């Protein structure tokens, strides 16, 4: 099993066995109380940042933006708009995830041009792929639910960063108990084409967080997984 590690400011690839991965998944929980005195190192944060950037999305279009809120005053405002949940201000890092409200020809053209540049191919060779995406997202049935489609993509990224954090023994908490419209106002997102969908608090659990030792409540695999 491959795992990400950070050392000396660079990201390297190492190996972890099944037991280590299972332990990381069991160790992770939705942290309710963070220790504000503990800060994620720049080296570890670079890995978490990459986990967001490298997250998969439908067609690879990446219809999202990640706002890492470091300003304490802005965080305090977001806390009020998050039912006063302390994770927003006490966690080392707080990421607000925004989704792209609509997708147009310009977005798809930009992605084609970027793909051609990175892979060293002629953009014309991607014409069939471009037509496929446009036929689905711009004129097909999915065109009527682009906002919903876009929001679904962001949850993939949320899962990615939370798993990466667990592998680094960094705590996390997904935050949906928020007033998204108020977040948009505070962060100046109105009119940008992006809207808040959720947040993720990242840092280190407080010694007094009673949920740290609580057993996970999950249904057995036999109940939720079917082999056909």
C-alpha atoms as a PDB file:
ATOM      1  CA  UNK A   1       0.000   0.000   0.000  1.00  0.00           C
ATOM      2  CA  UNK A   2       1.417   3.379  -1.035  1.00  0.00           C
ATOM      3  CA  UNK A   3       1.324   6.288   1.408  1.00  0.00           C
ATOM      4  CA  UNK A   4       2.361   9.949   1.242  1.00  0.00           C
ATOM      5  CA  UNK A   5       4.969  11.317   3.614  1.00  0.00           C
ATOM      6  CA  UNK A   6       6.499  14.765   3.947  1.00  0.00           C
ATOM      7  CA  UNK A   7      10.152  15.448   4.692  1.00  0.00           C
ATOM      8  CA  UNK A   8      12.308  18.517   4.305  1.00  0.00           C
ATOM      9  CA  UNK A   9       9.632  20.399   2.404  1.00  0.00           C
ATOM     10  CA  UNK A  10       9.226  17.739  -0.295  1.00  0.00           C
ATOM     11  CA  UNK A  11       6.676  15.009  -0.808  1.00  0.00           C
ATOM     12  CA  UNK A  12       7.933  11.445  -1.098  1.00  0.00           C
ATOM     13  CA  UNK A  13       6.224   8.133  -1.652  1.00  0.00           C
ATOM     14  CA  UNK A  14       6.583   5.350   0.883  1.00  0.00           C
ATOM     15  CA  UNK A  15       4.822   2.090   1.597  1.00  0.00           C
ATOM     16  CA  UNK A  16       2.377   1.124   4.288  1.00  0.00           C
ATOM     17  CA  UNK A  17       0.849  -2.241   4.937  1.00  0.00           C
ATOM     18  CA  UNK A  18      -2.815  -3.114   5.257  1.00  0.00           C
ATOM     19  CA  UNK A  19      -2.661  -3.069   9.043  1.00  0.00           C
ATOM     20  CA  UNK A  20      -1.259   0.462   9.113  1.00  0.00           C
ATOM     21  CA  UNK A  21      -3.923   1.701   6.718  1.00  0.00           C
ATOM     22  CA  UNK A  22      -6.662   0.040   8.748  1.00  0.00           C
ATOM     23  CA  UNK A  23      -5.287   1.590  11.930  1.00  0.00           C
ATOM     24  CA  UNK A  24      -5.323   5.059  10.354  1.00  0.00           C
ATOM     25  CA  UNK A  25      -8.945   4.624   9.274  1.00  0.00           C
ATOM     26  CA  UNK A  26      -9.920   3.424  12.746  1.00  0.00           C
ATOM     27  CA  UNK A  27      -7.953   6.237  14.431  1.00  0.00           C
ATOM     28  CA  UNK A  28      -9.711   8.944  12.421  1.00  0.00           C
ATOM     29  CA  UNK A  29     -12.894  10.478  13.788  1.00  0.00           C
ATOM     30  CA  UNK A  30     -14.789  13.734  13.407  1.00  0.00           C
ATOM     31  CA  UNK A  31     -12.830  15.760  15.932  1.00  0.00           C
ATOM     32  CA  UNK A  32     -15.071  18.010  18.009  1.00  0.00           C
ATOM     33  CA  UNK A  33     -12.446  19.786  20.095  1.00  0.00           C
ATOM     34  CA  UNK A  34      -9.108  20.837  18.597  1.00  0.00           C
ATOM     35  CA  UNK A  35      -6.021  21.969  20.483  1.00  0.00           C
ATOM     36  CA  UNK A  36      -5.412  25.548  19.262  1.00  0.00           C
ATOM     37  CA  UNK A  37      -1.813  25.384  20.489  1.00  0.00           C
ATOM     38  CA  UNK A  38      -0.876  22.643  18.018  1.00  0.00           C
ATOM     39  CA  UNK A  39      -0.149  23.690  14.443  1.00  0.00           C
ATOM     40  CA  UNK A  40       0.292  21.554  11.331  1.00  0.00           C
ATOM     41  CA  UNK A  41       3.869  21.828  10.063  1.00  0.00           C
ATOM     42  CA  UNK A  42       4.491  23.431   6.659  1.00  0.00           C
ATOM     43  CA  UNK A  43       5.853  20.094   5.417  1.00  0.00           C
ATOM     44  CA  UNK A  44       2.702  18.200   6.397  1.00  0.00           C
ATOM     45  CA  UNK A  45       0.449  20.944   5.123  1.00  0.00           C
ATOM     46  CA  UNK A  46       2.107  20.739   1.704  1.00  0.00           C
ATOM     47  CA  UNK A  47       0.964  17.106   1.521  1.00  0.00           C
ATOM     48  CA  UNK A  48      -2.590  17.987   2.518  1.00  0.00           C
ATOM     49  CA  UNK A  49      -2.627  20.792  -0.032  1.00  0.00           C
ATOM     50  CA  UNK A  50      -1.496  18.336  -2.707  1.00  0.00           C
ATOM     51  CA  UNK A  51      -4.222  15.889  -1.704  1.00  0.00           C
ATOM     52  CA  UNK A  52      -6.767  18.595  -2.525  1.00  0.00           C
ATOM     53  CA  UNK A  53      -5.077  19.465  -5.803  1.00  0.00           C
ATOM     54  CA  UNK A  54      -4.753  15.837  -6.877  1.00  0.00           C
ATOM     55  CA  UNK A  55      -8.315  14.846  -5.996  1.00  0.00           C
ATOM     56  CA  UNK A  56     -10.213  13.202  -8.853  1.00  0.00           C
ATOM     57  CA  UNK A  57     -13.283  14.745 -10.440  1.00  0.00           C
ATOM     58  CA  UNK A  58     -15.664  13.866 -13.257  1.00  0.00           C
ATOM     59  CA  UNK A  59     -13.886  14.361 -16.603  1.00  0.00           C
ATOM     60  CA  UNK A  60     -11.030  15.857 -14.574  1.00  0.00           C
ATOM     61  CA  UNK A  61     -12.690  19.295 -14.739  1.00  0.00           C
ATOM     62  CA  UNK A  62     -12.025  20.223 -11.074  1.00  0.00           C
ATOM     63  CA  UNK A  63     -15.122  22.409 -10.539  1.00  0.00           C
ATOM     64  CA  UNK A  64     -14.010  23.687  -7.162  1.00  0.00           C
ATOM     65  CA  UNK A  65     -11.999  26.179  -5.162  1.00  0.00           C
ATOM     66  CA  UNK A  66     -10.413  25.619  -1.755  1.00  0.00           C
ATOM     67  CA  UNK A  67     -10.139  28.627   0.547  1.00  0.00           C
ATOM     68  CA  UNK A  68      -7.612  28.143   3.349  1.00  0.00           C
ATOM     69  CA  UNK A  69      -8.730  30.681   5.925  1.00  0.00           C
ATOM     70  CA  UNK A  70      -5.820  31.853   8.076  1.00  0.00           C
ATOM     71  CA  UNK A  71      -7.056  35.287   9.151  1.00  0.00           C
ATOM     72  CA  UNK A  72      -8.284  34.965  12.749  1.00  0.00           C
ATOM     73  CA  UNK A  73     -10.907  37.701  12.367  1.00  0.00           C
ATOM     74  CA  UNK A  74     -12.417  36.032   9.317  1.00  0.00           C
ATOM     75  CA  UNK A  75     -12.382  32.717  11.127  1.00  0.00           C
ATOM     76  CA  UNK A  76     -14.274  34.248  14.005  1.00  0.00           C
ATOM     77  CA  UNK A  77     -16.933  35.499  11.605  1.00  0.00           C
ATOM     78  CA  UNK A  78     -17.159  32.052  10.030  1.00  0.00           C
ATOM     79  CA  UNK A  79     -17.530  30.504  13.473  1.00  0.00           C
ATOM     80  CA  UNK A  80     -20.637  32.605  14.093  1.00  0.00           C
ATOM     81  CA  UNK A  81     -21.953  31.395  10.727  1.00  0.00           C
ATOM     82  CA  UNK A  82     -21.178  27.810  11.783  1.00  0.00           C
ATOM     83  CA  UNK A  83     -23.506  27.613  14.782  1.00  0.00           C
ATOM     84  CA  UNK A  84     -20.523  28.758  16.926  1.00  0.00           C
ATOM     85  CA  UNK A  85     -18.724  25.445  16.512  1.00  0.00           C
ATOM     86  CA  UNK A  86     -15.224  25.802  17.964  1.00  0.00           C
ATOM     87  CA  UNK A  87     -13.529  23.704  15.281  1.00  0.00           C
ATOM     88  CA  UNK A  88     -13.608  26.684  12.934  1.00  0.00           C
ATOM     89  CA  UNK A  89     -11.340  28.804  15.119  1.00  0.00           C
ATOM     90  CA  UNK A  90      -9.427  26.207  17.153  1.00  0.00           C
ATOM     91  CA  UNK A  91      -8.202  23.923  14.367  1.00  0.00           C
ATOM     92  CA  UNK A  92      -4.764  24.587  12.918  1.00  0.00           C
ATOM     93  CA  UNK A  93      -6.151  25.002   9.392  1.00  0.00           C
ATOM     94  CA  UNK A  94      -9.678  25.634   8.181  1.00  0.00           C
ATOM     95  CA  UNK A  95     -10.551  24.951   4.545  1.00  0.00           C
ATOM     96  CA  UNK A  96     -13.756  26.231   2.983  1.00  0.00           C
ATOM     97  CA  UNK A  97     -14.754  24.213  -0.067  1.00  0.00           C
ATOM     98  CA  UNK A  98     -16.615  26.013  -2.842  1.00  0.00           C
ATOM     99  CA  UNK A  99     -18.220  24.517  -5.926  1.00  0.00           C
ATOM    100  CA  UNK A 100     -18.512  25.988  -9.406  1.00  0.00           C
ATOM    101  CA  UNK A 101     -22.096  27.043 -10.064  1.00  0.00           C
ATOM    102  CA  UNK A 102     -22.050  26.476 -13.823  1.00  0.00           C
ATOM    103  CA  UNK A 103     -19.790  25.058 -16.516  1.00  0.00           C
ATOM    104  CA  UNK A 104     -19.452  26.670 -19.941  1.00  0.00           C
ATOM    105  CA  UNK A 105     -17.558  26.256 -23.185  1.00  0.00           C
ATOM    106  CA  UNK A 106     -14.724  28.437 -21.895  1.00  0.00           C
ATOM    107  CA  UNK A 107     -14.181  26.125 -18.907  1.00  0.00           C
ATOM    108  CA  UNK A 108     -13.999  23.048 -21.093  1.00  0.00           C
ATOM    109  CA  UNK A 109     -11.735  24.774 -23.618  1.00  0.00           C
ATOM    110  CA  UNK A 110      -9.356  25.804 -20.812  1.00  0.00           C
ATOM    111  CA  UNK A 111      -9.218  22.227 -19.573  1.00  0.00           C
ATOM    112  CA  UNK A 112      -8.494  20.918 -23.077  1.00  0.00           C
ATOM    113  CA  UNK A 113      -5.695  23.452 -23.551  1.00  0.00           C
ATOM    114  CA  UNK A 114      -4.204  22.632 -20.155  1.00  0.00           C
ATOM    115  CA  UNK A 115      -4.371  18.900 -20.882  1.00  0.00           C
ATOM    116  CA  UNK A 116      -2.680  19.368 -24.253  1.00  0.00           C
ATOM    117  CA  UNK A 117       0.099  21.476 -22.699  1.00  0.00           C
ATOM    118  CA  UNK A 118       0.802  19.111 -19.789  1.00  0.00           C
ATOM    119  CA  UNK A 119       0.718  15.946 -21.891  1.00  0.00           C
ATOM    120  CA  UNK A 120       2.533  17.448 -24.840  1.00  0.00           C
ATOM    121  CA  UNK A 121      -0.145  16.710 -27.416  1.00  0.00           C
ATOM    122  CA  UNK A 122      -1.969  18.781 -30.007  1.00  0.00           C
ATOM    123  CA  UNK A 123      -5.201  20.209 -28.642  1.00  0.00           C
ATOM    124  CA  UNK A 124      -6.928  19.046 -31.827  1.00  0.00           C
ATOM    125  CA  UNK A 125      -6.350  15.427 -30.786  1.00  0.00           C
ATOM    126  CA  UNK A 126      -8.695  16.031 -27.843  1.00  0.00           C
ATOM    127  CA  UNK A 127     -11.589  17.178 -30.014  1.00  0.00           C
ATOM    128  CA  UNK A 128     -13.680  14.025 -29.508  1.00  0.00           C
ATOM    129  CA  UNK A 129     -13.167  14.242 -25.748  1.00  0.00           C
ATOM    130  CA  UNK A 130     -14.224  17.891 -25.776  1.00  0.00           C
ATOM    131  CA  UNK A 131     -17.365  17.042 -27.711  1.00  0.00           C
ATOM    132  CA  UNK A 132     -18.164  14.231 -25.292  1.00  0.00           C
ATOM    133  CA  UNK A 133     -17.930  16.545 -22.280  1.00  0.00           C
ATOM    134  CA  UNK A 134     -19.948  19.305 -23.926  1.00  0.00           C
ATOM    135  CA  UNK A 135     -22.574  16.813 -25.054  1.00  0.00           C
ATOM    136  CA  UNK A 136     -23.001  15.700 -21.467  1.00  0.00           C
ATOM    137  CA  UNK A 137     -22.581  18.874 -19.417  1.00  0.00           C
ATOM    138  CA  UNK A 138     -23.702  21.619 -21.802  1.00  0.00           C
ATOM    139  CA  UNK A 139     -26.481  20.119 -23.892  1.00  0.00           C
ATOM    140  CA  UNK A 140     -27.263  16.742 -22.307  1.00  0.00           C
ATOM    141  CA  UNK A 141     -29.531  15.830 -19.421  1.00  0.00           C
ATOM    142  CA  UNK A 142     -26.808  16.642 -16.893  1.00  0.00           C
ATOM    143  CA  UNK A 143     -26.821  20.255 -18.065  1.00  0.00           C
ATOM    144  CA  UNK A 144     -29.986  20.723 -16.018  1.00  0.00           C
ATOM    145  CA  UNK A 145     -28.249  19.748 -12.787  1.00  0.00           C
ATOM    146  CA  UNK A 146     -24.730  21.135 -13.136  1.00  0.00           C
ATOM    147  CA  UNK A 147     -24.859  22.776  -9.708  1.00  0.00           C
ATOM    148  CA  UNK A 148     -25.680  19.440  -8.060  1.00  0.00           C
ATOM    149  CA  UNK A 149     -23.080  17.626 -10.174  1.00  0.00           C
ATOM    150  CA  UNK A 150     -20.449  20.168  -9.173  1.00  0.00           C
ATOM    151  CA  UNK A 151     -21.251  19.885  -5.479  1.00  0.00           C
ATOM    152  CA  UNK A 152     -20.884  16.099  -5.638  1.00  0.00           C
ATOM    153  CA  UNK A 153     -17.355  16.484  -6.985  1.00  0.00           C
ATOM    154  CA  UNK A 154     -16.280  18.545  -3.984  1.00  0.00           C
ATOM    155  CA  UNK A 155     -17.103  15.729  -1.585  1.00  0.00           C
ATOM    156  CA  UNK A 156     -14.547  13.546  -3.339  1.00  0.00           C
ATOM    157  CA  UNK A 157     -11.904  16.157  -2.501  1.00  0.00           C
ATOM    158  CA  UNK A 158     -13.154  16.345   1.074  1.00  0.00           C
ATOM    159  CA  UNK A 159     -12.704  12.603   1.468  1.00  0.00           C
ATOM    160  CA  UNK A 160      -9.251  12.763  -0.090  1.00  0.00           C
ATOM    161  CA  UNK A 161      -7.908  15.402   2.280  1.00  0.00           C
ATOM    162  CA  UNK A 162      -9.403  13.681   5.324  1.00  0.00           C
ATOM    163  CA  UNK A 163      -7.796  10.367   4.383  1.00  0.00           C
ATOM    164  CA  UNK A 164      -4.454  12.043   3.706  1.00  0.00           C
ATOM    165  CA  UNK A 165      -4.702  13.717   7.114  1.00  0.00           C
ATOM    166  CA  UNK A 166      -5.410  10.417   8.854  1.00  0.00           C
ATOM    167  CA  UNK A 167      -2.358   8.831   7.222  1.00  0.00           C
ATOM    168  CA  UNK A 168      -0.274  11.687   8.657  1.00  0.00           C
ATOM    169  CA  UNK A 169      -1.965  11.365  12.068  1.00  0.00           C
ATOM    170  CA  UNK A 170      -3.605  14.744  11.626  1.00  0.00           C
ATOM    171  CA  UNK A 171      -7.165  15.149  12.859  1.00  0.00           C
ATOM    172  CA  UNK A 172     -10.040  16.436  10.786  1.00  0.00           C
ATOM    173  CA  UNK A 173     -13.705  17.315  10.963  1.00  0.00           C
ATOM    174  CA  UNK A 174     -16.053  17.818   8.006  1.00  0.00           C
ATOM    175  CA  UNK A 175     -18.255  20.854   8.565  1.00  0.00           C
ATOM    176  CA  UNK A 176     -21.701  21.004   6.975  1.00  0.00           C
ATOM    177  CA  UNK A 177     -23.406  22.723   9.884  1.00  0.00           C
ATOM    178  CA  UNK A 178     -22.805  26.123   8.348  1.00  0.00           C
ATOM    179  CA  UNK A 179     -24.727  29.014   6.805  1.00  0.00           C
ATOM    180  CA  UNK A 180     -23.376  28.746   3.261  1.00  0.00           C
ATOM    181  CA  UNK A 181     -24.808  32.060   2.052  1.00  0.00           C
ATOM    182  CA  UNK A 182     -23.211  33.866   4.985  1.00  0.00           C
ATOM    183  CA  UNK A 183     -19.899  32.162   4.220  1.00  0.00           C
ATOM    184  CA  UNK A 184     -20.170  33.465   0.657  1.00  0.00           C
ATOM    185  CA  UNK A 185     -20.713  36.993   1.962  1.00  0.00           C
ATOM    186  CA  UNK A 186     -17.819  36.837   4.421  1.00  0.00           C
ATOM    187  CA  UNK A 187     -15.398  35.359   1.885  1.00  0.00           C
ATOM    188  CA  UNK A 188     -16.508  37.652  -0.940  1.00  0.00           C
ATOM    189  CA  UNK A 189     -17.637  34.797  -3.170  1.00  0.00           C
ATOM    190  CA  UNK A 190     -20.797  36.439  -4.433  1.00  0.00           C
ATOM    191  CA  UNK A 191     -20.505  37.044  -8.156  1.00  0.00           C
ATOM    192  CA  UNK A 192     -17.380  34.873  -8.552  1.00  0.00           C
ATOM    193  CA  UNK A 193     -19.196  31.849  -9.958  1.00  0.00           C
ATOM    194  CA  UNK A 194     -18.368  29.767  -6.884  1.00  0.00           C
ATOM    195  CA  UNK A 195     -20.449  29.035  -3.793  1.00  0.00           C
ATOM    196  CA  UNK A 196     -19.656  27.486  -0.430  1.00  0.00           C
ATOM    197  CA  UNK A 197     -20.697  23.884   0.083  1.00  0.00           C
ATOM    198  CA  UNK A 198     -18.813  22.806   3.242  1.00  0.00           C
ATOM    199  CA  UNK A 199     -15.709  23.239   5.353  1.00  0.00           C
ATOM    200  CA  UNK A 200     -12.996  20.960   6.733  1.00  0.00           C
ATOM    201  CA  UNK A 201     -11.191  21.648   9.993  1.00  0.00           C
ATOM    202  CA  UNK A 202      -7.680  20.148  10.243  1.00  0.00           C
ATOM    203  CA  UNK A 203      -5.339  20.021  13.196  1.00  0.00           C
ATOM    204  CA  UNK A 204      -4.805  18.037  16.371  1.00  0.00           C
ATOM    205  CA  UNK A 205      -7.333  16.739  18.869  1.00  0.00           C
ATOM    206  CA  UNK A 206      -7.503  18.312  22.304  1.00  0.00           C
ATOM    207  CA  UNK A 207      -6.704  16.040  25.231  1.00  0.00           C
ATOM    208  CA  UNK A 208     -10.159  16.831  26.613  1.00  0.00           C
ATOM    209  CA  UNK A 209     -12.090  15.804  23.503  1.00  0.00           C
ATOM    210  CA  UNK A 210     -14.273  13.048  24.933  1.00  0.00           C
ATOM    211  CA  UNK A 211     -15.084  11.693  21.478  1.00  0.00           C
ATOM    212  CA  UNK A 212     -11.455  10.671  20.877  1.00  0.00           C
ATOM    213  CA  UNK A 213     -11.938   7.432  22.808  1.00  0.00           C
ATOM    214  CA  UNK A 214     -15.494   6.709  21.714  1.00  0.00           C
ATOM    215  CA  UNK A 215     -15.974   3.553  19.672  1.00  0.00           C
ATOM    216  CA  UNK A 216     -17.013   4.035  16.065  1.00  0.00           C
ATOM    217  CA  UNK A 217     -20.650   3.302  15.360  1.00  0.00           C
ATOM    218  CA  UNK A 218     -20.800   1.586  11.985  1.00  0.00           C
ATOM    219  CA  UNK A 219     -23.101  -1.059  10.549  1.00  0.00           C
ATOM    220  CA  UNK A 220     -21.418  -4.386   9.757  1.00  0.00           C
ATOM    221  CA  UNK A 221     -20.104  -4.886   6.235  1.00  0.00           C
ATOM    222  CA  UNK A 222     -22.589  -7.695   5.703  1.00  0.00           C
ATOM    223  CA  UNK A 223     -25.412  -5.182   6.075  1.00  0.00           C
ATOM    224  CA  UNK A 224     -24.185  -2.392   3.823  1.00  0.00           C
ATOM    225  CA  UNK A 225     -22.030  -4.130   1.199  1.00  0.00           C
ATOM    226  CA  UNK A 226     -23.472  -6.459  -1.433  1.00  0.00           C
ATOM    227  CA  UNK A 227     -21.535  -8.697  -3.811  1.00  0.00           C
ATOM    228  CA  UNK A 228     -23.466  -9.448  -6.989  1.00  0.00           C
END
